[in-house]
Amino acid sequence: YCDLDFAIAELAKYKNICSQGIKNNPTQGENLINVIICVILTARGWQAGHDTSINGHADIVVTLPYMSYQWIGEGKIYSGPTYTTKGLNQLAYRYSTGLEGQNAGGLLIYIDSTNLNQKQILDKWSNSLQDSCFPIIKPNSPCANNSLAFYSTHTHPSSGLDYTIRHMTLDFRYSPKD
């Protein structure tokens, strides 16, 4: 997650460009962000791919060579908790296997337009998780290394094992006041 946080911090330096990409074409803008995250993770030593076929086309798939390790990230442009739930359901019920070494993933919430700040969006999302169809078995817990992220643990619908999700935001709003 340190390398993922590094990628998020790097992208924050280019929110003016990412913001324009999302506004020009939301689907392609979201894909571009996912690809950039994969490139950064690959440069940091991971095997990361975008649109990898794992029970569909997962946004970000991180693996290690010759190991069963697999982490899947699903990116969604923020349009309220209902749309974010779509990403959660894709992660839980479509892409992830929940097997040993494949029992963690991430939900990346890309913010391009709202009056809410990142913390408010995460708080709202955390509260709405209680009502999702993916039951929580451990309460949401803050991330010690990133105050704009939290973890939730669920029973994976396929494997029945614990499945941990890290929820995080990337803010691409750009409207300088100078």
Foldseek 3Di string as FASTA:
>chain_A
DVQLVVLLVVVLVVLVVLLVLCVVPVVVSQLVSLVSSQVSVVVVPWNWDALDDALGGFGIWTDDPPDPAIETEHEDEDPALVRLLVSVCCCQPGGFQCDVNRQEYEYEYEYNDDPDDLVVRVVRNLVCVCVHPFHFPDRWAADPVDNQKIKTWGQRPRPRDIHIYIYGYRYSYDDDDD
